[in-house]
């Protein structure tokens, strides 16, 4: 048995927020309604993977706008990406308003 997935290409506007990986978004849904969202950003510490326990940056997102609220790495506040130096407060998920 094999599982084949389509190659994921990410928006170039997110390039400054990641290190050798594709950022991903998680949305928590309660009783059919989205209540929380976050983005995971890969880092050198996480070996280019978006695993928070390995050192990726977790960014809380405003559920209405897709804009960054706060970020953490290794359970500590993080204000810029540790590898790119890009300000995380400027992160806004492209086309958030069109997400279904």
PDB file of N, CA and C in Angstrom:
ATOM      1  N   UNK A   1       0.842  -1.155   0.000  1.00  0.00           N
ATOM      2  CA  UNK A   1       0.000   0.000   0.000  1.00  0.00           C
ATOM      3  C   UNK A   1       0.899   1.234   0.000  1.00  0.00           C
ATOM      4  N   UNK A   2       0.497   2.252  -0.741  1.00  0.00           N
ATOM      5  CA  UNK A   2       1.256   3.497  -0.800  1.00  0.00           C
ATOM      6  C   UNK A   2       0.306   4.673  -0.678  1.00  0.00           C
ATOM      7  N   UNK A   3       0.789   5.704  -0.018  1.00  0.00           N
ATOM      8  CA  UNK A   3       0.046   6.951   0.077  1.00  0.00           C
ATOM      9  C   UNK A   3       0.813   7.981  -0.735  1.00  0.00           C
ATOM     10  N   UNK A   4       0.143   8.577  -1.694  1.00  0.00           N
ATOM     11  CA  UNK A   4       0.791   9.561  -2.560  1.00  0.00           C
ATOM     12  C   UNK A   4       0.116  10.898  -2.330  1.00  0.00           C
ATOM     13  N   UNK A   5       0.928  11.900  -2.016  1.00  0.00           N
ATOM     14  CA  UNK A   5       0.404  13.236  -1.779  1.00  0.00           C
ATOM     15  C   UNK A   5       0.941  14.195  -2.821  1.00  0.00           C
ATOM     16  N   UNK A   6       0.188  15.223  -3.079  1.00  0.00           N
ATOM     17  CA  UNK A   6       0.615  16.272  -3.996  1.00  0.00           C
ATOM     18  C   UNK A   6       1.723  17.083  -3.348  1.00  0.00           C
ATOM     19  N   UNK A   7       2.705  17.486  -4.124  1.00  0.00           N
ATOM     20  CA  UNK A   7       3.773  18.342  -3.626  1.00  0.00           C
ATOM     21  C   UNK A   7       3.179  19.671  -3.192  1.00  0.00           C
ATOM     22  N   UNK A   8       3.555  20.093  -2.001  1.00  0.00           N
ATOM     23  CA  UNK A   8       3.034  21.345  -1.471  1.00  0.00           C
ATOM     24  C   UNK A   8       4.025  22.459  -1.787  1.00  0.00           C
ATOM     25  N   UNK A   9       3.549  23.477  -2.467  1.00  0.00           N
ATOM     26  CA  UNK A   9       4.347  24.672  -2.724  1.00  0.00           C
ATOM     27  C   UNK A   9       3.801  25.771  -1.840  1.00  0.00           C
ATOM     28  N   UNK A  10       4.685  26.460  -1.132  1.00  0.00           N
ATOM     29  CA  UNK A  10       4.179  27.500  -0.258  1.00  0.00           C
ATOM     30  C   UNK A  10       4.375  28.882  -0.864  1.00  0.00           C
ATOM     31  N   UNK A  11       3.597  29.815  -0.375  1.00  0.00           N
ATOM     32  CA  UNK A  11       3.615  31.188  -0.862  1.00  0.00           C
ATOM     33  C   UNK A  11       4.981  31.819  -0.589  1.00  0.00           C
ATOM     34  N   UNK A  12       5.558  32.433  -1.594  1.00  0.00           N
ATOM     35  CA  UNK A  12       6.885  33.053  -1.464  1.00  0.00           C
ATOM     36  C   UNK A  12       6.930  34.126  -0.381  1.00  0.00           C
ATOM     37  N   UNK A  13       5.791  34.714  -0.048  1.00  0.00           N
ATOM     38  CA  UNK A  13       5.780  35.750   0.981  1.00  0.00           C
ATOM     39  C   UNK A  13       6.122  35.195   2.364  1.00  0.00           C
ATOM     40  N   UNK A  14       6.103  33.866   2.525  1.00  0.00           N
ATOM     41  CA  UNK A  14       6.455  33.245   3.797  1.00  0.00           C
ATOM     42  C   UNK A  14       7.925  32.845   3.881  1.00  0.00           C
ATOM     43  N   UNK A  15       8.689  33.097   2.826  1.00  0.00           N
ATOM     44  CA  UNK A  15      10.087  32.685   2.766  1.00  0.00           C
ATOM     45  C   UNK A  15      10.918  33.212   3.951  1.00  0.00           C
ATOM     46  N   UNK A  16      10.653  34.427   4.391  1.00  0.00           N
ATOM     47  CA  UNK A  16      11.423  35.011   5.487  1.00  0.00           C
ATOM     48  C   UNK A  16      11.069  34.435   6.847  1.00  0.00           C
ATOM     49  N   UNK A  17      10.046  33.609   6.902  1.00  0.00           N
ATOM     50  CA  UNK A  17       9.574  33.067   8.176  1.00  0.00           C
ATOM     51  C   UNK A  17       9.908  31.588   8.358  1.00  0.00           C
ATOM     52  N   UNK A  18      10.765  31.055   7.521  1.00  0.00           N
ATOM     53  CA  UNK A  18      11.054  29.634   7.627  1.00  0.00           C
ATOM     54  C   UNK A  18      12.498  29.344   7.277  1.00  0.00           C
ATOM     55  N   UNK A  19      12.972  28.187   7.710  1.00  0.00           N
ATOM     56  CA  UNK A  19      14.324  27.739   7.421  1.00  0.00           C
ATOM     57  C   UNK A  19      14.244  26.341   6.812  1.00  0.00           C
ATOM     58  N   UNK A  20      14.472  26.240   5.519  1.00  0.00           N
ATOM     59  CA  UNK A  20      14.521  24.949   4.813  1.00  0.00           C
ATOM     60  C   UNK A  20      13.288  24.079   4.995  1.00  0.00           C
ATOM     61  N   UNK A  21      12.137  24.667   5.168  1.00  0.00           N
ATOM     62  CA  UNK A  21      10.941  23.864   5.354  1.00  0.00           C
ATOM     63  C   UNK A  21       9.701  24.627   4.944  1.00  0.00           C
ATOM     64  N   UNK A  22       8.591  23.932   4.949  1.00  0.00           N
ATOM     65  CA  UNK A  22       7.307  24.526   4.589  1.00  0.00           C
ATOM     66  C   UNK A  22       6.539  24.812   5.875  1.00  0.00           C
ATOM     67  N   UNK A  23       6.157  26.070   6.115  1.00  0.00           N
ATOM     68  CA  UNK A  23       5.340  26.369   7.296  1.00  0.00           C
ATOM     69  C   UNK A  23       3.994  25.663   7.189  1.00  0.00           C
ATOM     70  N   UNK A  24       3.441  25.283   8.327  1.00  0.00           N
ATOM     71  CA  UNK A  24       2.106  24.697   8.275  1.00  0.00           C
ATOM     72  C   UNK A  24       1.190  25.371   9.284  1.00  0.00           C
ATOM     73  N   UNK A  25      -0.089  25.217   9.051  1.00  0.00           N
ATOM     74  CA  UNK A  25      -1.102  25.846   9.887  1.00  0.00           C
ATOM     75  C   UNK A  25      -1.957  24.762  10.521  1.00  0.00           C
ATOM     76  N   UNK A  26      -2.270  24.970  11.791  1.00  0.00           N
ATOM     77  CA  UNK A  26      -3.194  24.085  12.493  1.00  0.00           C
ATOM     78  C   UNK A  26      -4.374  24.914  12.967  1.00  0.00           C
ATOM     79  N   UNK A  27      -5.563  24.405  12.743  1.00  0.00           N
ATOM     80  CA  UNK A  27      -6.775  25.080  13.194  1.00  0.00           C
ATOM     81  C   UNK A  27      -7.523  24.115  14.105  1.00  0.00           C
ATOM     82  N   UNK A  28      -7.848  24.576  15.304  1.00  0.00           N
ATOM     83  CA  UNK A  28      -8.611  23.775  16.255  1.00  0.00           C
ATOM     84  C   UNK A  28     -10.088  24.106  16.060  1.00  0.00           C
ATOM     85  N   UNK A  29     -10.889  23.072  15.836  1.00  0.00           N
ATOM     86  CA  UNK A  29     -12.317  23.238  15.583  1.00  0.00           C
ATOM     87  C   UNK A  29     -13.080  22.628  16.753  1.00  0.00           C
ATOM     88  N   UNK A  30     -14.039  23.375  17.289  1.00  0.00           N
ATOM     89  CA  UNK A  30     -14.877  22.907  18.385  1.00  0.00           C
ATOM     90  C   UNK A  30     -16.329  22.987  17.953  1.00  0.00           C
ATOM     91  N   UNK A  31     -16.998  21.848  17.962  1.00  0.00           N
ATOM     92  CA  UNK A  31     -18.395  21.768  17.547  1.00  0.00           C
ATOM     93  C   UNK A  31     -18.630  22.399  16.184  1.00  0.00           C
ATOM     94  N   UNK A  32     -17.676  22.186  15.277  1.00  0.00           N
ATOM     95  CA  UNK A  32     -17.818  22.657  13.912  1.00  0.00           C
ATOM     96  C   UNK A  32     -17.368  24.088  13.675  1.00  0.00           C
ATOM     97  N   UNK A  33     -16.872  24.764  14.709  1.00  0.00           N
ATOM     98  CA  UNK A  33     -16.443  26.153  14.574  1.00  0.00           C
ATOM     99  C   UNK A  33     -14.946  26.282  14.861  1.00  0.00           C
ATOM    100  N   UNK A  34     -14.215  26.984  13.997  1.00  0.00           N
ATOM    101  CA  UNK A  34     -12.791  27.205  14.281  1.00  0.00           C
ATOM    102  C   UNK A  34     -12.643  28.139  15.481  1.00  0.00           C
ATOM    103  N   UNK A  35     -11.832  27.741  16.457  1.00  0.00           N
ATOM    104  CA  UNK A  35     -11.677  28.543  17.671  1.00  0.00           C
ATOM    105  C   UNK A  35     -10.251  29.025  17.902  1.00  0.00           C
ATOM    106  N   UNK A  36      -9.261  28.331  17.359  1.00  0.00           N
ATOM    107  CA  UNK A  36      -7.861  28.718  17.530  1.00  0.00           C
ATOM    108  C   UNK A  36      -7.083  28.316  16.285  1.00  0.00           C
ATOM    109  N   UNK A  37      -6.032  29.068  16.012  1.00  0.00           N
ATOM    110  CA  UNK A  37      -5.176  28.713  14.881  1.00  0.00           C
ATOM    111  C   UNK A  37      -3.727  29.041  15.221  1.00  0.00           C
ATOM    112  N   UNK A  38      -2.823  28.275  14.649  1.00  0.00           N
ATOM    113  CA  UNK A  38      -1.399  28.516  14.843  1.00  0.00           C
ATOM    114  C   UNK A  38      -0.631  28.124  13.593  1.00  0.00           C
ATOM    115  N   UNK A  39       0.563  28.676  13.465  1.00  0.00           N
ATOM    116  CA  UNK A  39       1.461  28.305  12.379  1.00  0.00           C
ATOM    117  C   UNK A  39       2.743  27.778  13.001  1.00  0.00           C
ATOM    118  N   UNK A  40       3.304  26.747  12.402  1.00  0.00           N
ATOM    119  CA  UNK A  40       4.591  26.209  12.848  1.00  0.00           C
ATOM    120  C   UNK A  40       5.637  26.558  11.803  1.00  0.00           C
ATOM    121  N   UNK A  41       6.740  27.153  12.267  1.00  0.00           N
ATOM    122  CA  UNK A  41       7.808  27.596  11.374  1.00  0.00           C
ATOM    123  C   UNK A  41       9.076  26.803  11.654  1.00  0.00           C
ATOM    124  N   UNK A  42       9.636  26.200  10.630  1.00  0.00           N
ATOM    125  CA  UNK A  42      10.849  25.412  10.804  1.00  0.00           C
ATOM    126  C   UNK A  42      12.049  26.318  11.079  1.00  0.00           C
ATOM    127  N   UNK A  43      13.037  25.746  11.762  1.00  0.00           N
ATOM    128  CA  UNK A  43      14.266  26.462  12.118  1.00  0.00           C
ATOM    129  C   UNK A  43      15.459  25.540  11.930  1.00  0.00           C
ATOM    130  N   UNK A  44      16.648  26.093  12.054  1.00  0.00           N
ATOM    131  CA  UNK A  44      17.860  25.266  12.011  1.00  0.00           C
ATOM    132  C   UNK A  44      17.862  24.308  13.207  1.00  0.00           C
ATOM    133  N   UNK A  45      17.400  24.797  14.364  1.00  0.00           N
ATOM    134  CA  UNK A  45      17.358  23.950  15.561  1.00  0.00           C
ATOM    135  C   UNK A  45      16.448  22.744  15.356  1.00  0.00           C
ATOM    136  N   UNK A  46      15.383  22.904  14.575  1.00  0.00           N
ATOM    137  CA  UNK A  46      14.449  21.798  14.324  1.00  0.00           C
ATOM    138  C   UNK A  46      14.807  21.040  13.049  1.00  0.00           C
ATOM    139  N   UNK A  47      16.002  21.304  12.505  1.00  0.00           N
ATOM    140  CA  UNK A  47      16.505  20.620  11.314  1.00  0.00           C
ATOM    141  C   UNK A  47      15.583  20.814  10.108  1.00  0.00           C
ATOM    142  N   UNK A  48      15.032  22.024   9.993  1.00  0.00           N
ATOM    143  CA  UNK A  48      14.180  22.327   8.850  1.00  0.00           C
ATOM    144  C   UNK A  48      12.799  21.722   8.914  1.00  0.00           C
ATOM    145  N   UNK A  49      12.437  21.158  10.060  1.00  0.00           N
ATOM    146  CA  UNK A  49      11.114  20.557  10.244  1.00  0.00           C
ATOM    147  C   UNK A  49      10.286  21.460  11.151  1.00  0.00           C
ATOM    148  N   UNK A  50       8.977  21.335  11.088  1.00  0.00           N
ATOM    149  CA  UNK A  50       8.095  22.186  11.878  1.00  0.00           C
ATOM    150  C   UNK A  50       7.704  21.534  13.206  1.00  0.00           C
ATOM    151  N   UNK A  51       8.611  20.766  13.799  1.00  0.00           N
ATOM    152  CA  UNK A  51       8.334  20.088  15.060  1.00  0.00           C
ATOM    153  C   UNK A  51       8.663  21.012  16.227  1.00  0.00           C
ATOM    154  N   UNK A  52       7.656  21.398  16.992  1.00  0.00           N
ATOM    155  CA  UNK A  52       7.850  22.347  18.084  1.00  0.00           C
ATOM    156  C   UNK A  52       8.804  21.812  19.145  1.00  0.00           C
ATOM    157  N   UNK A  53       8.709  20.530  19.467  1.00  0.00           N
ATOM    158  CA  UNK A  53       9.576  19.973  20.506  1.00  0.00           C
ATOM    159  C   UNK A  53      11.044  19.922  20.080  1.00  0.00           C
ATOM    160  N   UNK A  54      11.311  20.075  18.781  1.00  0.00           N
ATOM    161  CA  UNK A  54      12.687  20.090  18.284  1.00  0.00           C
ATOM    162  C   UNK A  54      13.217  21.505  18.066  1.00  0.00           C
ATOM    163  N   UNK A  55      12.388  22.516  18.306  1.00  0.00           N
ATOM    164  CA  UNK A  55      12.863  23.884  18.179  1.00  0.00           C
ATOM    165  C   UNK A  55      12.209  24.726  17.110  1.00  0.00           C
ATOM    166  N   UNK A  56      11.145  24.223  16.483  1.00  0.00           N
ATOM    167  CA  UNK A  56      10.402  25.066  15.548  1.00  0.00           C
ATOM    168  C   UNK A  56       9.714  26.175  16.331  1.00  0.00           C
ATOM    169  N   UNK A  57       9.336  27.232  15.644  1.00  0.00           N
ATOM    170  CA  UNK A  57       8.642  28.352  16.270  1.00  0.00           C
ATOM    171  C   UNK A  57       7.142  28.153  16.090  1.00  0.00           C
ATOM    172  N   UNK A  58       6.392  28.292  17.178  1.00  0.00           N
ATOM    173  CA  UNK A  58       4.938  28.233  17.132  1.00  0.00           C
ATOM    174  C   UNK A  58       4.387  29.645  17.198  1.00  0.00           C
ATOM    175  N   UNK A  59       3.533  29.991  16.247  1.00  0.00           N
ATOM    176  CA  UNK A  59       2.972  31.347  16.170  1.00  0.00           C
ATOM    177  C   UNK A  59       1.453  31.270  16.288  1.00  0.00           C
ATOM    178  N   UNK A  60       0.909  31.916  17.313  1.00  0.00           N
ATOM    179  CA  UNK A  60      -0.540  32.009  17.436  1.00  0.00           C
ATOM    180  C   UNK A  60      -1.078  32.973  16.398  1.00  0.00           C
ATOM    181  N   UNK A  61      -2.184  32.608  15.777  1.00  0.00           N
ATOM    182  CA  UNK A  61      -2.774  33.438  14.726  1.00  0.00           C
ATOM    183  C   UNK A  61      -4.138  33.971  15.152  1.00  0.00           C
ATOM    184  N   UNK A  62      -4.422  35.197  14.765  1.00  0.00           N
ATOM    185  CA  UNK A  62      -5.747  35.770  14.947  1.00  0.00           C
ATOM    186  C   UNK A  62      -6.685  34.999  14.030  1.00  0.00           C
ATOM    187  N   UNK A  63      -7.696  34.378  14.594  1.00  0.00           N
ATOM    188  CA  UNK A  63      -8.576  33.506  13.821  1.00  0.00           C
ATOM    189  C   UNK A  63      -9.377  34.283  12.775  1.00  0.00           C
ATOM    190  N   UNK A  64      -9.607  35.564  12.995  1.00  0.00           N
ATOM    191  CA  UNK A  64     -10.387  36.365  12.049  1.00  0.00           C
ATOM    192  C   UNK A  64      -9.544  36.905  10.900  1.00  0.00           C
ATOM    193  N   UNK A  65      -8.263  37.219  11.175  1.00  0.00           N
ATOM    194  CA  UNK A  65      -7.450  37.905  10.171  1.00  0.00           C
ATOM    195  C   UNK A  65      -6.266  37.109   9.648  1.00  0.00           C
ATOM    196  N   UNK A  66      -5.825  36.085  10.393  1.00  0.00           N
ATOM    197  CA  UNK A  66      -4.641  35.329   9.988  1.00  0.00           C
ATOM    198  C   UNK A  66      -3.339  36.028  10.340  1.00  0.00           C
ATOM    199  N   UNK A  67      -3.403  37.088  11.145  1.00  0.00           N
ATOM    200  CA  UNK A  67      -2.199  37.820  11.551  1.00  0.00           C
ATOM    201  C   UNK A  67      -1.598  37.193  12.805  1.00  0.00           C
ATOM    202  N   UNK A  68      -0.279  37.278  12.915  1.00  0.00           N
ATOM    203  CA  UNK A  68       0.428  36.740  14.075  1.00  0.00           C
ATOM    204  C   UNK A  68       0.035  37.490  15.339  1.00  0.00           C
ATOM    205  N   UNK A  69      -0.123  36.742  16.430  1.00  0.00           N
ATOM    206  CA  UNK A  69      -0.413  37.336  17.732  1.00  0.00           C
ATOM    207  C   UNK A  69       0.817  37.275  18.629  1.00  0.00           C
ATOM    208  N   UNK A  70       1.294  36.066  18.871  1.00  0.00           N
ATOM    209  CA  UNK A  70       2.471  35.834  19.705  1.00  0.00           C
ATOM    210  C   UNK A  70       3.186  34.610  19.170  1.00  0.00           C
ATOM    211  N   UNK A  71       4.479  34.505  19.532  1.00  0.00           N
ATOM    212  CA  UNK A  71       5.259  33.356  19.072  1.00  0.00           C
ATOM    213  C   UNK A  71       6.118  32.827  20.216  1.00  0.00           C
ATOM    214  N   UNK A  72       6.397  31.523  20.164  1.00  0.00           N
ATOM    215  CA  UNK A  72       7.261  30.890  21.164  1.00  0.00           C
ATOM    216  C   UNK A  72       8.204  29.915  20.490  1.00  0.00           C
ATOM    217  N   UNK A  73       9.368  29.762  21.104  1.00  0.00           N
ATOM    218  CA  UNK A  73      10.317  28.714  20.724  1.00  0.00           C
ATOM    219  C   UNK A  73      10.895  28.178  22.020  1.00  0.00           C
ATOM    220  N   UNK A  74      10.906  26.881  22.198  1.00  0.00           N
ATOM    221  CA  UNK A  74      11.378  26.248  23.431  1.00  0.00           C
ATOM    222  C   UNK A  74      10.682  26.852  24.655  1.00  0.00           C
ATOM    223  N   UNK A  75       9.368  27.068  24.562  1.00  0.00           N
ATOM    224  CA  UNK A  75       8.543  27.588  25.660  1.00  0.00           C
ATOM    225  C   UNK A  75       8.913  29.001  26.108  1.00  0.00           C
ATOM    226  N   UNK A  76       9.593  29.759  25.247  1.00  0.00           N
ATOM    227  CA  UNK A  76       9.958  31.138  25.558  1.00  0.00           C
ATOM    228  C   UNK A  76       9.423  32.057  24.467  1.00  0.00           C
ATOM    229  N   UNK A  77       9.026  33.277  24.837  1.00  0.00           N
ATOM    230  CA  UNK A  77       8.573  34.224  23.813  1.00  0.00           C
ATOM    231  C   UNK A  77       9.633  34.442  22.743  1.00  0.00           C
ATOM    232  N   UNK A  78       9.186  34.586  21.530  1.00  0.00           N
ATOM    233  CA  UNK A  78      10.079  34.757  20.381  1.00  0.00           C
ATOM    234  C   UNK A  78       9.515  35.899  19.540  1.00  0.00           C
ATOM    235  N   UNK A  79      10.350  36.883  19.209  1.00  0.00           N
ATOM    236  CA  UNK A  79       9.862  38.064  18.507  1.00  0.00           C
ATOM    237  C   UNK A  79      10.338  38.138  17.057  1.00  0.00           C
ATOM    238  N   UNK A  80      11.378  37.390  16.728  1.00  0.00           N
ATOM    239  CA  UNK A  80      11.857  37.319  15.346  1.00  0.00           C
ATOM    240  C   UNK A  80      12.270  35.885  15.066  1.00  0.00           C
ATOM    241  N   UNK A  81      12.271  35.520  13.791  1.00  0.00           N
ATOM    242  CA  UNK A  81      12.677  34.160  13.434  1.00  0.00           C
ATOM    243  C   UNK A  81      14.145  33.994  13.795  1.00  0.00           C
ATOM    244  N   UNK A  82      14.508  32.932  14.521  1.00  0.00           N
ATOM    245  CA  UNK A  82      15.877  32.779  14.999  1.00  0.00           C
ATOM    246  C   UNK A  82      16.939  32.641  13.906  1.00  0.00           C
ATOM    247  N   UNK A  83      16.554  32.253  12.715  1.00  0.00           N
ATOM    248  CA  UNK A  83      17.528  32.071  11.633  1.00  0.00           C
ATOM    249  C   UNK A  83      17.504  33.198  10.614  1.00  0.00           C
ATOM    250  N   UNK A  84      16.314  33.690  10.306  1.00  0.00           N
ATOM    251  CA  UNK A  84      16.216  34.741   9.283  1.00  0.00           C
ATOM    252  C   UNK A  84      16.223  36.133   9.892  1.00  0.00           C
ATOM    253  N   UNK A  85      15.906  36.223  11.197  1.00  0.00           N
ATOM    254  CA  UNK A  85      15.846  37.511  11.869  1.00  0.00           C
ATOM    255  C   UNK A  85      14.603  38.316  11.530  1.00  0.00           C
ATOM    256  N   UNK A  86      13.700  37.750  10.741  1.00  0.00           N
ATOM    257  CA  UNK A  86      12.510  38.483  10.309  1.00  0.00           C
ATOM    258  C   UNK A  86      11.531  38.647  11.473  1.00  0.00           C
ATOM    259  N   UNK A  87      10.971  39.845  11.603  1.00  0.00           N
ATOM    260  CA  UNK A  87      10.033  40.186  12.667  1.00  0.00           C
ATOM    261  C   UNK A  87       8.752  39.358  12.533  1.00  0.00           C
ATOM    262  N   UNK A  88       8.427  38.579  13.561  1.00  0.00           N
ATOM    263  CA  UNK A  88       7.254  37.703  13.494  1.00  0.00           C
ATOM    264  C   UNK A  88       5.940  38.466  13.625  1.00  0.00           C
ATOM    265  N   UNK A  89       5.969  39.678  14.191  1.00  0.00           N
ATOM    266  CA  UNK A  89       4.752  40.472  14.308  1.00  0.00           C
ATOM    267  C   UNK A  89       4.207  40.888  12.947  1.00  0.00           C
ATOM    268  N   UNK A  90       5.054  40.856  11.915  1.00  0.00           N
ATOM    269  CA  UNK A  90       4.604  41.241  10.574  1.00  0.00           C
ATOM    270  C   UNK A  90       4.000  40.080   9.790  1.00  0.00           C
ATOM    271  N   UNK A  91       3.988  38.878  10.365  1.00  0.00           N
ATOM    272  CA  UNK A  91       3.470  37.706   9.665  1.00  0.00           C
ATOM    273  C   UNK A  91       1.945  37.777   9.526  1.00  0.00           C
ATOM    274  N   UNK A  92       1.475  37.652   8.311  1.00  0.00           N
ATOM    275  CA  UNK A  92       0.045  37.527   8.012  1.00  0.00           C
ATOM    276  C   UNK A  92      -0.085  36.419   6.982  1.00  0.00           C
ATOM    277  N   UNK A  93      -0.939  35.446   7.239  1.00  0.00           N
ATOM    278  CA  UNK A  93      -1.114  34.321   6.323  1.00  0.00           C
ATOM    279  C   UNK A  93      -1.752  34.825   5.032  1.00  0.00           C
ATOM    280  N   UNK A  94      -1.087  34.593   3.897  1.00  0.00           N
ATOM    281  CA  UNK A  94      -1.646  35.036   2.610  1.00  0.00           C
ATOM    282  C   UNK A  94      -3.004  34.390   2.339  1.00  0.00           C
ATOM    283  N   UNK A  95      -3.934  35.168   1.826  1.00  0.00           N
ATOM    284  CA  UNK A  95      -5.255  34.713   1.410  1.00  0.00           C
ATOM    285  C   UNK A  95      -6.055  34.065   2.540  1.00  0.00           C
ATOM    286  N   UNK A  96      -5.769  34.443   3.780  1.00  0.00           N
ATOM    287  CA  UNK A  96      -6.491  33.885   4.941  1.00  0.00           C
ATOM    288  C   UNK A  96      -7.998  34.062   4.787  1.00  0.00           C
ATOM    289  N   UNK A  97      -8.405  35.218   4.286  1.00  0.00           N
ATOM    290  CA  UNK A  97      -9.833  35.513   4.153  1.00  0.00           C
ATOM    291  C   UNK A  97     -10.530  34.597   3.154  1.00  0.00           C
ATOM    292  N   UNK A  98      -9.762  33.935   2.272  1.00  0.00           N
ATOM    293  CA  UNK A  98     -10.348  33.028   1.287  1.00  0.00           C
ATOM    294  C   UNK A  98     -10.355  31.573   1.719  1.00  0.00           C
ATOM    295  N   UNK A  99      -9.788  31.288   2.894  1.00  0.00           N
ATOM    296  CA  UNK A  99      -9.716  29.893   3.374  1.00  0.00           C
ATOM    297  C   UNK A  99     -11.122  29.401   3.691  1.00  0.00           C
ATOM    298  N   UNK A 100     -11.352  28.168   3.362  1.00  0.00           N
ATOM    299  CA  UNK A 100     -12.673  27.600   3.633  1.00  0.00           C
ATOM    300  C   UNK A 100     -12.635  26.699   4.833  1.00  0.00           C
TER     301      UNK A 100
END
